[in-house]
Amino acid sequence: MALEKAKEIVASSPVVVFSKTYCPFCTRVKQLLAQLGANYKAVELDVESDGSDLQSALAEWTGQKTVPNVFIKGQHIGGCDATVAMHNDGKLVPLLAEAGAIASASAKATATPSL
């Protein structure tokens, strides 16, 4: 049941961060996505009534027991370190653009400012 819900959440949004409100690593990932201008859905597992069930289901699904647990375009990215490393390697922005979560860098570069 919780696994089905987790998969539905991931399928319903291009970028999903399973998070906890007090987790500094979760905050770092959410701040990074916000700085990049990405639209994302945050699921705060410490606030959700079935949060611990969801976290267990995510661990079963992805093999990752910790938060944040990041998905882009239905693909499991990993946690904070993996997401930051992907950004540092220049791979996060293109993936976010491909997912439709941000305007692509090339689109931003060719956009003309409105007067």
PDB file of N, CA and C in Angstrom:
ATOM      1  N   MET A   1       0.834  -1.205   0.000  1.00  0.00           N
ATOM      2  CA  MET A   1       0.000   0.000   0.000  1.00  0.00           C
ATOM      3  C   MET A   1       0.876   1.266   0.000  1.00  0.00           C
ATOM      4  N   ALA A   2       1.821   1.353   0.943  1.00  0.00           N
ATOM      5  CA  ALA A   2       2.696   2.531   1.007  1.00  0.00           C
ATOM      6  C   ALA A   2       3.586   2.611  -0.226  1.00  0.00           C
ATOM      7  N   LEU A   3       4.031   1.445  -0.723  1.00  0.00           N
ATOM      8  CA  LEU A   3       4.875   1.430  -1.916  1.00  0.00           C
ATOM      9  C   LEU A   3       4.093   1.944  -3.122  1.00  0.00           C
ATOM     10  N   GLU A   4       2.831   1.535  -3.235  1.00  0.00           N
ATOM     11  CA  GLU A   4       1.982   2.030  -4.330  1.00  0.00           C
ATOM     12  C   GLU A   4       1.832   3.545  -4.230  1.00  0.00           C
ATOM     13  N   LYS A   5       1.613   4.036  -3.014  1.00  0.00           N
ATOM     14  CA  LYS A   5       1.456   5.482  -2.818  1.00  0.00           C
ATOM     15  C   LYS A   5       2.744   6.215  -3.207  1.00  0.00           C
ATOM     16  N   ALA A   6       3.881   5.700  -2.789  1.00  0.00           N
ATOM     17  CA  ALA A   6       5.167   6.331  -3.121  1.00  0.00           C
ATOM     18  C   ALA A   6       5.345   6.385  -4.633  1.00  0.00           C
ATOM     19  N   LYS A   7       5.033   5.288  -5.310  1.00  0.00           N
ATOM     20  CA  LYS A   7       5.190   5.250  -6.767  1.00  0.00           C
ATOM     21  C   LYS A   7       4.221   6.201  -7.457  1.00  0.00           C
ATOM     22  N   GLU A   8       3.006   6.339  -6.911  1.00  0.00           N
ATOM     23  CA  GLU A   8       2.034   7.296  -7.460  1.00  0.00           C
ATOM     24  C   GLU A   8       2.540   8.726  -7.304  1.00  0.00           C
ATOM     25  N   ILE A   9       3.102   9.030  -6.138  1.00  0.00           N
ATOM     26  CA  ILE A   9       3.640  10.380  -5.893  1.00  0.00           C
ATOM     27  C   ILE A   9       4.760  10.673  -6.882  1.00  0.00           C
ATOM     28  N   VAL A  10       5.676   9.724  -7.058  1.00  0.00           N
ATOM     29  CA  VAL A  10       6.804   9.906  -7.973  1.00  0.00           C
ATOM     30  C   VAL A  10       6.304  10.088  -9.405  1.00  0.00           C
ATOM     31  N   ALA A  11       5.273   9.324  -9.781  1.00  0.00           N
ATOM     32  CA  ALA A  11       4.741   9.411 -11.146  1.00  0.00           C
ATOM     33  C   ALA A  11       3.973  10.710 -11.383  1.00  0.00           C
ATOM     34  N   SER A  12       3.483  11.343 -10.311  1.00  0.00           N
ATOM     35  CA  SER A  12       2.606  12.505 -10.460  1.00  0.00           C
ATOM     36  C   SER A  12       3.348  13.834 -10.608  1.00  0.00           C
ATOM     37  N   SER A  13       4.662  13.833 -10.398  1.00  0.00           N
ATOM     38  CA  SER A  13       5.420  15.088 -10.427  1.00  0.00           C
ATOM     39  C   SER A  13       6.789  14.835 -11.049  1.00  0.00           C
ATOM     40  N   PRO A  14       7.293  15.784 -11.863  1.00  0.00           N
ATOM     41  CA  PRO A  14       8.601  15.574 -12.500  1.00  0.00           C
ATOM     42  C   PRO A  14       9.754  15.467 -11.500  1.00  0.00           C
ATOM     43  N   VAL A  15       9.647  16.183 -10.383  1.00  0.00           N
ATOM     44  CA  VAL A  15      10.705  16.149  -9.366  1.00  0.00           C
ATOM     45  C   VAL A  15      10.052  15.972  -8.000  1.00  0.00           C
ATOM     46  N   VAL A  16      10.482  14.940  -7.284  1.00  0.00           N
ATOM     47  CA  VAL A  16       9.939  14.666  -5.954  1.00  0.00           C
ATOM     48  C   VAL A  16      11.103  14.503  -4.979  1.00  0.00           C
ATOM     49  N   VAL A  17      10.970  15.166  -3.823  1.00  0.00           N
ATOM     50  CA  VAL A  17      11.950  15.024  -2.742  1.00  0.00           C
ATOM     51  C   VAL A  17      11.201  14.489  -1.523  1.00  0.00           C
ATOM     52  N   PHE A  18      11.481  13.250  -1.148  1.00  0.00           N
ATOM     53  CA  PHE A  18      10.969  12.718   0.108  1.00  0.00           C
ATOM     54  C   PHE A  18      11.924  13.228   1.178  1.00  0.00           C
ATOM     55  N   SER A  19      11.379  13.916   2.177  1.00  0.00           N
ATOM     56  CA  SER A  19      12.178  14.754   3.062  1.00  0.00           C
ATOM     57  C   SER A  19      11.654  14.654   4.490  1.00  0.00           C
ATOM     58  N   LYS A  20      12.385  15.263   5.402  1.00  0.00           N
ATOM     59  CA  LYS A  20      11.898  15.509   6.762  1.00  0.00           C
ATOM     60  C   LYS A  20      12.197  16.965   7.077  1.00  0.00           C
ATOM     61  N   THR A  21      11.253  17.615   7.747  1.00  0.00           N
ATOM     62  CA  THR A  21      11.344  19.063   7.951  1.00  0.00           C
ATOM     63  C   THR A  21      12.593  19.468   8.726  1.00  0.00           C
ATOM     64  N   TYR A  22      13.082  18.616   9.631  1.00  0.00           N
ATOM     65  CA  TYR A  22      14.216  18.970  10.487  1.00  0.00           C
ATOM     66  C   TYR A  22      15.564  18.503   9.934  1.00  0.00           C
ATOM     67  N   CYS A  23      15.576  17.868   8.776  1.00  0.00           N
ATOM     68  CA  CYS A  23      16.797  17.259   8.234  1.00  0.00           C
ATOM     69  C   CYS A  23      17.627  18.293   7.468  1.00  0.00           C
ATOM     70  N   PRO A  24      18.874  18.564   7.913  1.00  0.00           N
ATOM     71  CA  PRO A  24      19.697  19.566   7.222  1.00  0.00           C
ATOM     72  C   PRO A  24      20.072  19.161   5.792  1.00  0.00           C
ATOM     73  N   PHE A  25      20.195  17.860   5.537  1.00  0.00           N
ATOM     74  CA  PHE A  25      20.526  17.402   4.185  1.00  0.00           C
ATOM     75  C   PHE A  25      19.336  17.612   3.245  1.00  0.00           C
ATOM     76  N   CYS A  26      18.136  17.407   3.783  1.00  0.00           N
ATOM     77  CA  CYS A  26      16.920  17.660   3.009  1.00  0.00           C
ATOM     78  C   CYS A  26      16.821  19.149   2.673  1.00  0.00           C
ATOM     79  N   THR A  27      17.086  19.979   3.662  1.00  0.00           N
ATOM     80  CA  THR A  27      17.047  21.430   3.457  1.00  0.00           C
ATOM     81  C   THR A  27      18.029  21.837   2.368  1.00  0.00           C
ATOM     82  N   ARG A  28      19.211  21.235   2.383  1.00  0.00           N
ATOM     83  CA  ARG A  28      20.240  21.576   1.388  1.00  0.00           C
ATOM     84  C   ARG A  28      19.755  21.242  -0.028  1.00  0.00           C
ATOM     85  N   VAL A  29      19.160  20.072  -0.198  1.00  0.00           N
ATOM     86  CA  VAL A  29      18.664  19.671  -1.518  1.00  0.00           C
ATOM     87  C   VAL A  29      17.524  20.594  -1.960  1.00  0.00           C
ATOM     88  N   LYS A  30      16.596  20.889  -1.048  1.00  0.00           N
ATOM     89  CA  LYS A  30      15.470  21.762  -1.404  1.00  0.00           C
ATOM     90  C   LYS A  30      15.962  23.174  -1.745  1.00  0.00           C
ATOM     91  N   GLN A  31      16.979  23.657  -1.012  1.00  0.00           N
ATOM     92  CA  GLN A  31      17.548  24.974  -1.326  1.00  0.00           C
ATOM     93  C   GLN A  31      18.223  24.959  -2.688  1.00  0.00           C
ATOM     94  N   LEU A  32      18.949  23.898  -3.007  1.00  0.00           N
ATOM     95  CA  LEU A  32      19.611  23.785  -4.304  1.00  0.00           C
ATOM     96  C   LEU A  32      18.571  23.814  -5.428  1.00  0.00           C
ATOM     97  N   LEU A  33      17.519  23.023  -5.283  1.00  0.00           N
ATOM     98  CA  LEU A  33      16.477  23.002  -6.311  1.00  0.00           C
ATOM     99  C   LEU A  33      15.820  24.370  -6.443  1.00  0.00           C
ATOM    100  N   ALA A  34      15.588  25.031  -5.322  1.00  0.00           N
ATOM    101  CA  ALA A  34      14.978  26.373  -5.350  1.00  0.00           C
ATOM    102  C   ALA A  34      15.909  27.371  -6.032  1.00  0.00           C
ATOM    103  N   GLN A  35      17.214  27.301  -5.743  1.00  0.00           N
ATOM    104  CA  GLN A  35      18.187  28.201  -6.373  1.00  0.00           C
ATOM    105  C   GLN A  35      18.227  27.999  -7.879  1.00  0.00           C
ATOM    106  N   LEU A  36      18.004  26.761  -8.315  1.00  0.00           N
ATOM    107  CA  LEU A  36      18.011  26.459  -9.747  1.00  0.00           C
ATOM    108  C   LEU A  36      16.683  26.809 -10.403  1.00  0.00           C
ATOM    109  N   GLY A  37      15.710  27.208  -9.584  1.00  0.00           N
ATOM    110  CA  GLY A  37      14.401  27.574 -10.117  1.00  0.00           C
ATOM    111  C   GLY A  37      13.557  26.372 -10.499  1.00  0.00           C
ATOM    112  N   ALA A  38      13.840  25.230  -9.890  1.00  0.00           N
ATOM    113  CA  ALA A  38      13.121  24.003 -10.231  1.00  0.00           C
ATOM    114  C   ALA A  38      11.801  23.912  -9.485  1.00  0.00           C
ATOM    115  N   ASN A  39      10.784  23.452 -10.191  1.00  0.00           N
ATOM    116  CA  ASN A  39       9.523  23.104  -9.548  1.00  0.00           C
ATOM    117  C   ASN A  39       9.662  21.681  -9.037  1.00  0.00           C
ATOM    118  N   TYR A  40       9.372  21.485  -7.763  1.00  0.00           N
ATOM    119  CA  TYR A  40       9.475  20.144  -7.200  1.00  0.00           C
ATOM    120  C   TYR A  40       8.405  19.956  -6.139  1.00  0.00           C
ATOM    121  N   LYS A  41       8.110  18.695  -5.868  1.00  0.00           N
ATOM    122  CA  LYS A  41       7.150  18.349  -4.823  1.00  0.00           C
ATOM    123  C   LYS A  41       7.952  17.793  -3.657  1.00  0.00           C
ATOM    124  N   ALA A  42       7.782  18.385  -2.483  1.00  0.00           N
ATOM    125  CA  ALA A  42       8.425  17.874  -1.276  1.00  0.00           C
ATOM    126  C   ALA A  42       7.384  17.109  -0.466  1.00  0.00           C
ATOM    127  N   VAL A  43       7.716  15.893  -0.094  1.00  0.00           N
ATOM    128  CA  VAL A  43       6.860  15.080   0.759  1.00  0.00           C
ATOM    129  C   VAL A  43       7.581  14.956   2.097  1.00  0.00           C
ATOM    130  N   GLU A  44       7.057  15.664   3.094  1.00  0.00           N
ATOM    131  CA  GLU A  44       7.706  15.707   4.415  1.00  0.00           C
ATOM    132  C   GLU A  44       7.241  14.489   5.223  1.00  0.00           C
ATOM    133  N   LEU A  45       8.109  13.491   5.316  1.00  0.00           N
ATOM    134  CA  LEU A  45       7.731  12.219   5.918  1.00  0.00           C
ATOM    135  C   LEU A  45       7.448  12.327   7.413  1.00  0.00           C
ATOM    136  N   ASP A  46       8.014  13.352   8.081  1.00  0.00           N
ATOM    137  CA  ASP A  46       7.741  13.508   9.511  1.00  0.00           C
ATOM    138  C   ASP A  46       6.399  14.194   9.756  1.00  0.00           C
ATOM    139  N   VAL A  47       5.757  14.681   8.707  1.00  0.00           N
ATOM    140  CA  VAL A  47       4.460  15.353   8.823  1.00  0.00           C
ATOM    141  C   VAL A  47       3.337  14.437   8.331  1.00  0.00           C
ATOM    142  N   GLU A  48       3.647  13.611   7.333  1.00  0.00           N
ATOM    143  CA  GLU A  48       2.651  12.693   6.767  1.00  0.00           C
ATOM    144  C   GLU A  48       2.267  11.644   7.817  1.00  0.00           C
ATOM    145  N   SER A  49       0.975  11.341   7.902  1.00  0.00           N
ATOM    146  CA  SER A  49       0.511  10.356   8.892  1.00  0.00           C
ATOM    147  C   SER A  49       1.111   8.976   8.628  1.00  0.00           C
ATOM    148  N   ASP A  50       1.379   8.671   7.350  1.00  0.00           N
ATOM    149  CA  ASP A  50       1.969   7.377   7.008  1.00  0.00           C
ATOM    150  C   ASP A  50       3.430   7.522   6.582  1.00  0.00           C
ATOM    151  N   GLY A  51       4.096   8.554   7.088  1.00  0.00           N
ATOM    152  CA  GLY A  51       5.463   8.857   6.688  1.00  0.00           C
ATOM    153  C   GLY A  51       6.442   7.728   6.940  1.00  0.00           C
ATOM    154  N   SER A  52       6.335   7.061   8.102  1.00  0.00           N
ATOM    155  CA  SER A  52       7.281   5.982   8.388  1.00  0.00           C
ATOM    156  C   SER A  52       7.026   4.795   7.454  1.00  0.00           C
ATOM    157  N   ASP A  53       5.768   4.551   7.110  1.00  0.00           N
ATOM    158  CA  ASP A  53       5.456   3.485   6.145  1.00  0.00           C
ATOM    159  C   ASP A  53       6.008   3.842   4.768  1.00  0.00           C
ATOM    160  N   LEU A  54       5.864   5.104   4.386  1.00  0.00           N
ATOM    161  CA  LEU A  54       6.394   5.547   3.099  1.00  0.00           C
ATOM    162  C   LEU A  54       7.913   5.397   3.070  1.00  0.00           C
ATOM    163  N   GLN A  55       8.577   5.784   4.156  1.00  0.00           N
ATOM    164  CA  GLN A  55      10.032   5.681   4.196  1.00  0.00           C
ATOM    165  C   GLN A  55      10.471   4.219   4.103  1.00  0.00           C
ATOM    166  N   SER A  56       9.760   3.328   4.774  1.00  0.00           N
ATOM    167  CA  SER A  56      10.074   1.897   4.676  1.00  0.00           C
ATOM    168  C   SER A  56       9.864   1.397   3.252  1.00  0.00           C
ATOM    169  N   ALA A  57       8.790   1.846   2.623  1.00  0.00           N
ATOM    170  CA  ALA A  57       8.498   1.441   1.242  1.00  0.00           C
ATOM    171  C   ALA A  57       9.579   1.962   0.295  1.00  0.00           C
ATOM    172  N   LEU A  58      10.034   3.191   0.509  1.00  0.00           N
ATOM    173  CA  LEU A  58      11.098   3.765  -0.314  1.00  0.00           C
ATOM    174  C   LEU A  58      12.392   2.965  -0.146  1.00  0.00           C
ATOM    175  N   ALA A  59      12.688   2.546   1.083  1.00  0.00           N
ATOM    176  CA  ALA A  59      13.892   1.752   1.338  1.00  0.00           C
ATOM    177  C   ALA A  59      13.804   0.421   0.596  1.00  0.00           C
ATOM    178  N   GLU A  60      12.622  -0.175   0.609  1.00  0.00           N
ATOM    179  CA  GLU A  60      12.413  -1.442  -0.095  1.00  0.00           C
ATOM    180  C   GLU A  60      12.562  -1.239  -1.607  1.00  0.00           C
ATOM    181  N   TRP A  61      12.032  -0.117  -2.115  1.00  0.00           N
ATOM    182  CA  TRP A  61      12.016   0.161  -3.551  1.00  0.00           C
ATOM    183  C   TRP A  61      13.408   0.540  -4.068  1.00  0.00           C
ATOM    184  N   THR A  62      14.093   1.443  -3.329  1.00  0.00           N
ATOM    185  CA  THR A  62      15.333   2.040  -3.833  1.00  0.00           C
ATOM    186  C   THR A  62      16.594   1.498  -3.160  1.00  0.00           C
ATOM    187  N   GLY A  63      16.433   0.856  -2.018  1.00  0.00           N
ATOM    188  CA  GLY A  63      17.598   0.416  -1.256  1.00  0.00           C
ATOM    189  C   GLY A  63      18.181   1.521  -0.397  1.00  0.00           C
ATOM    190  N   GLN A  64      17.567   2.703  -0.438  1.00  0.00           N
ATOM    191  CA  GLN A  64      18.047   3.851   0.344  1.00  0.00           C
ATOM    192  C   GLN A  64      17.119   4.053   1.536  1.00  0.00           C
ATOM    193  N   LYS A  65      17.695   4.012   2.734  1.00  0.00           N
ATOM    194  CA  LYS A  65      16.890   4.122   3.953  1.00  0.00           C
ATOM    195  C   LYS A  65      16.784   5.554   4.461  1.00  0.00           C
ATOM    196  N   THR A  66      17.632   6.432   3.955  1.00  0.00           N
ATOM    197  CA  THR A  66      17.722   7.794   4.492  1.00  0.00           C
ATOM    198  C   THR A  66      16.979   8.805   3.619  1.00  0.00           C
ATOM    199  N   VAL A  67      16.780   9.990   4.168  1.00  0.00           N
ATOM    200  CA  VAL A  67      16.250  11.133   3.423  1.00  0.00           C
ATOM    201  C   VAL A  67      17.359  12.167   3.318  1.00  0.00           C
ATOM    202  N   PRO A  68      17.322  13.034   2.328  1.00  0.00           N
ATOM    203  CA  PRO A  68      16.304  13.111   1.290  1.00  0.00           C
ATOM    204  C   PRO A  68      16.437  11.952   0.306  1.00  0.00           C
ATOM    205  N   ASN A  69      15.327  11.640  -0.312  1.00  0.00           N
ATOM    206  CA  ASN A  69      15.267  10.611  -1.329  1.00  0.00           C
ATOM    207  C   ASN A  69      14.696  11.304  -2.564  1.00  0.00           C
ATOM    208  N   VAL A  70      15.542  11.538  -3.552  1.00  0.00           N
ATOM    209  CA  VAL A  70      15.213  12.405  -4.684  1.00  0.00           C
ATOM    210  C   VAL A  70      14.915  11.593  -5.941  1.00  0.00           C
ATOM    211  N   PHE A  71      13.830  11.969  -6.610  1.00  0.00           N
ATOM    212  CA  PHE A  71      13.446  11.362  -7.883  1.00  0.00           C
ATOM    213  C   PHE A  71      13.271  12.462  -8.917  1.00  0.00           C
ATOM    214  N   ILE A  72      13.803  12.251 -10.113  1.00  0.00           N
ATOM    215  CA  ILE A  72      13.591  13.173 -11.232  1.00  0.00           C
ATOM    216  C   ILE A  72      13.118  12.349 -12.419  1.00  0.00           C
ATOM    217  N   LYS A  73      11.984  12.748 -12.962  1.00  0.00           N
ATOM    218  CA  LYS A  73      11.374  12.034 -14.099  1.00  0.00           C
ATOM    219  C   LYS A  73      11.187  10.555 -13.788  1.00  0.00           C
ATOM    220  N   GLY A  74      10.793  10.266 -12.556  1.00  0.00           N
ATOM    221  CA  GLY A  74      10.550   8.893 -12.155  1.00  0.00           C
ATOM    222  C   GLY A  74      11.810   8.104 -11.860  1.00  0.00           C
ATOM    223  N   GLN A  75      12.969   8.712 -12.076  1.00  0.00           N
ATOM    224  CA  GLN A  75      14.253   8.034 -11.861  1.00  0.00           C
ATOM    225  C   GLN A  75      14.773   8.371 -10.471  1.00  0.00           C
ATOM    226  N   HIS A  76      15.201   7.351  -9.733  1.00  0.00           N
ATOM    227  CA  HIS A  76      15.764   7.567  -8.403  1.00  0.00           C
ATOM    228  C   HIS A  76      17.162   8.163  -8.551  1.00  0.00           C
ATOM    229  N   ILE A  77      17.374   9.341  -7.980  1.00  0.00           N
ATOM    230  CA  ILE A  77      18.668  10.024  -8.051  1.00  0.00           C
ATOM    231  C   ILE A  77      19.521   9.646  -6.849  1.00  0.00           C
ATOM    232  N   GLY A  78      18.905   9.615  -5.675  1.00  0.00           N
ATOM    233  CA  GLY A  78      19.626   9.297  -4.447  1.00  0.00           C
ATOM    234  C   GLY A  78      19.351  10.344  -3.391  1.00  0.00           C
ATOM    235  N   GLY A  79      20.341  10.569  -2.548  1.00  0.00           N
ATOM    236  CA  GLY A  79      20.195  11.509  -1.450  1.00  0.00           C
ATOM    237  C   GLY A  79      20.882  12.827  -1.727  1.00  0.00           C
ATOM    238  N   CYS A  80      21.240  13.518  -0.657  1.00  0.00           N
ATOM    239  CA  CYS A  80      21.863  14.839  -0.757  1.00  0.00           C
ATOM    240  C   CYS A  80      23.196  14.771  -1.498  1.00  0.00           C
ATOM    241  N   ASP A  81      24.080  13.866  -1.080  1.00  0.00           N
ATOM    242  CA  ASP A  81      25.409  13.793  -1.708  1.00  0.00           C
ATOM    243  C   ASP A  81      25.305  13.512  -3.202  1.00  0.00           C
ATOM    244  N   ALA A  82      24.430  12.575  -3.573  1.00  0.00           N
ATOM    245  CA  ALA A  82      24.281  12.218  -4.984  1.00  0.00           C
ATOM    246  C   ALA A  82      23.713  13.380  -5.795  1.00  0.00           C
ATOM    247  N   THR A  83      22.752  14.092  -5.212  1.00  0.00           N
ATOM    248  CA  THR A  83      22.136  15.221  -5.919  1.00  0.00           C
ATOM    249  C   THR A  83      23.126  16.360  -6.096  1.00  0.00           C
ATOM    250  N   VAL A  84      23.878  16.685  -5.041  1.00  0.00           N
ATOM    251  CA  VAL A  84      24.879  17.751  -5.113  1.00  0.00           C
ATOM    252  C   VAL A  84      25.997  17.360  -6.081  1.00  0.00           C
ATOM    253  N   ALA A  85      26.426  16.097  -6.042  1.00  0.00           N
ATOM    254  CA  ALA A  85      27.481  15.633  -6.949  1.00  0.00           C
ATOM    255  C   ALA A  85      27.005  15.735  -8.397  1.00  0.00           C
ATOM    256  N   MET A  86      25.751  15.380  -8.634  1.00  0.00           N
ATOM    257  CA  MET A  86      25.193  15.465  -9.985  1.00  0.00           C
ATOM    258  C   MET A  86      25.198  16.928 -10.453  1.00  0.00           C
ATOM    259  N   HIS A  87      24.874  17.844  -9.537  1.00  0.00           N
ATOM    260  CA  HIS A  87      24.891  19.271  -9.873  1.00  0.00           C
ATOM    261  C   HIS A  87      26.325  19.725 -10.164  1.00  0.00           C
ATOM    262  N   ASN A  88      27.271  19.312  -9.317  1.00  0.00           N
ATOM    263  CA  ASN A  88      28.672  19.709  -9.502  1.00  0.00           C
ATOM    264  C   ASN A  88      29.250  19.163 -10.802  1.00  0.00           C
ATOM    265  N   ASP A  89      28.722  18.028 -11.253  1.00  0.00           N
ATOM    266  CA  ASP A  89      29.172  17.434 -12.524  1.00  0.00           C
ATOM    267  C   ASP A  89      28.449  18.039 -13.729  1.00  0.00           C
ATOM    268  N   GLY A  90      27.548  18.994 -13.468  1.00  0.00           N
ATOM    269  CA  GLY A  90      26.826  19.638 -14.562  1.00  0.00           C
ATOM    270  C   GLY A  90      25.706  18.788 -15.155  1.00  0.00           C
ATOM    271  N   LYS A  91      25.265  17.769 -14.418  1.00  0.00           N
ATOM    272  CA  LYS A  91      24.253  16.853 -14.943  1.00  0.00           C
ATOM    273  C   LYS A  91      22.852  17.119 -14.394  1.00  0.00           C
ATOM    274  N   LEU A  92      22.753  17.874 -13.298  1.00  0.00           N
ATOM    275  CA  LEU A  92      21.451  18.072 -12.656  1.00  0.00           C
ATOM    276  C   LEU A  92      20.557  19.010 -13.465  1.00  0.00           C
ATOM    277  N   VAL A  93      21.091  20.154 -13.889  1.00  0.00           N
ATOM    278  CA  VAL A  93      20.277  21.140 -14.621  1.00  0.00           C
ATOM    279  C   VAL A  93      19.724  20.548 -15.919  1.00  0.00           C
ATOM    280  N   PRO A  94      20.543  19.860 -16.736  1.00  0.00           N
ATOM    281  CA  PRO A  94      19.968  19.261 -17.952  1.00  0.00           C
ATOM    282  C   PRO A  94      18.860  18.252 -17.650  1.00  0.00           C
ATOM    283  N   LEU A  95      19.033  17.475 -16.578  1.00  0.00           N
ATOM    284  CA  LEU A  95      18.015  16.488 -16.223  1.00  0.00           C
ATOM    285  C   LEU A  95      16.729  17.182 -15.765  1.00  0.00           C
ATOM    286  N   LEU A  96      16.882  18.240 -14.973  1.00  0.00           N
ATOM    287  CA  LEU A  96      15.707  19.013 -14.534  1.00  0.00           C
ATOM    288  C   LEU A  96      15.004  19.643 -15.729  1.00  0.00           C
ATOM    289  N   ALA A  97      15.787  20.155 -16.680  1.00  0.00           N
ATOM    290  CA  ALA A  97      15.209  20.763 -17.884  1.00  0.00           C
ATOM    291  C   ALA A  97      14.473  19.710 -18.707  1.00  0.00           C
ATOM    292  N   GLU A  98      15.078  18.539 -18.847  1.00  0.00           N
ATOM    293  CA  GLU A  98      14.460  17.448 -19.598  1.00  0.00           C
ATOM    294  C   GLU A  98      13.149  17.015 -18.942  1.00  0.00           C
ATOM    295  N   ALA A  99      13.111  17.077 -17.612  1.00  0.00           N
ATOM    296  CA  ALA A  99      11.908  16.694 -16.871  1.00  0.00           C
ATOM    297  C   ALA A  99      10.832  17.779 -16.943  1.00  0.00           C
ATOM    298  N   GLY A 100      11.211  18.961 -17.451  1.00  0.00           N
ATOM    299  CA  GLY A 100      10.260  20.061 -17.523  1.00  0.00           C
ATOM    300  C   GLY A 100      10.121  20.828 -16.221  1.00  0.00           C
ATOM    301  N   ALA A 101      11.054  20.593 -15.286  1.00  0.00           N
ATOM    302  CA  ALA A 101      10.986  21.250 -13.979  1.00  0.00           C
ATOM    303  C   ALA A 101      11.580  22.656 -14.012  1.00  0.00           C
ATOM    304  N   ILE A 102      12.471  22.902 -14.979  1.00  0.00           N
ATOM    305  CA  ILE A 102      13.035  24.241 -15.170  1.00  0.00           C
ATOM    306  C   ILE A 102      13.123  24.501 -16.669  1.00  0.00           C
ATOM    307  N   ALA A 103      13.197  25.773 -17.003  1.00  0.00           N
ATOM    308  CA  ALA A 103      13.468  26.111 -18.398  1.00  0.00           C
ATOM    309  C   ALA A 103      14.904  25.715 -18.684  1.00  0.00           C
ATOM    310  N   SER A 104      15.161  25.184 -19.852  1.00  0.00           N
ATOM    311  CA  SER A 104      16.519  24.741 -20.159  1.00  0.00           C
ATOM    312  C   SER A 104      17.454  25.936 -20.252  1.00  0.00           C
ATOM    313  N   ALA A 105      18.720  25.706 -20.025  1.00  0.00           N
ATOM    314  CA  ALA A 105      19.722  26.772 -20.065  1.00  0.00           C
ATOM    315  C   ALA A 105      19.760  27.405 -21.450  1.00  0.00           C
ATOM    316  N   SER A 106      19.621  26.580 -22.482  1.00  0.00           N
ATOM    317  CA  SER A 106      19.648  27.140 -23.843  1.00  0.00           C
ATOM    318  C   SER A 106      18.430  28.005 -24.109  1.00  0.00           C
ATOM    319  N   ALA A 107      17.294  27.615 -23.522  1.00  0.00           N
ATOM    320  CA  ALA A 107      16.087  28.432 -23.697  1.00  0.00           C
ATOM    321  C   ALA A 107      16.258  29.771 -22.984  1.00  0.00           C
ATOM    322  N   LYS A 108      16.892  29.729 -21.805  1.00  0.00           N
ATOM    323  CA  LYS A 108      17.146  30.980 -21.074  1.00  0.00           C
ATOM    324  C   LYS A 108      18.106  31.869 -21.849  1.00  0.00           C
ATOM    325  N   ALA A 109      19.108  31.254 -22.482  1.00  0.00           N
ATOM    326  CA  ALA A 109      20.123  32.018 -23.196  1.00  0.00           C
ATOM    327  C   ALA A 109      19.530  32.685 -24.454  1.00  0.00           C
ATOM    328  N   THR A 110      18.545  32.029 -25.076  1.00  0.00           N
ATOM    329  CA  THR A 110      17.990  32.584 -26.313  1.00  0.00           C
ATOM    330  C   THR A 110      16.765  33.452 -26.074  1.00  0.00           C
ATOM    331  N   ALA A 111      16.266  33.429 -24.846  1.00  0.00           N
ATOM    332  CA  ALA A 111      15.079  34.242 -24.554  1.00  0.00           C
ATOM    333  C   ALA A 111      15.456  35.735 -24.587  1.00  0.00           C
ATOM    334  N   THR A 112      14.617  36.519 -25.217  1.00  0.00           N
ATOM    335  CA  THR A 112      14.873  37.958 -25.249  1.00  0.00           C
ATOM    336  C   THR A 112      14.110  38.614 -24.124  1.00  0.00           C
ATOM    337  N   PRO A 113      14.746  39.555 -23.431  1.00  0.00           N
ATOM    338  CA  PRO A 113      14.045  40.203 -22.323  1.00  0.00           C
ATOM    339  C   PRO A 113      12.883  41.040 -22.845  1.00  0.00           C
ATOM    340  N   SER A 114      11.786  40.999 -22.104  1.00  0.00           N
ATOM    341  CA  SER A 114      10.632  41.797 -22.521  1.00  0.00           C
ATOM    342  C   SER A 114      10.861  43.239 -22.086  1.00  0.00           C
ATOM    343  N   LEU A 115      10.463  44.152 -22.942  1.00  0.00           N
ATOM    344  CA  LEU A 115      10.683  45.580 -22.661  1.00  0.00           C
ATOM    345  C   LEU A 115       9.489  46.192 -21.990  1.00  0.00           C
TER     346      LEU A 115
END
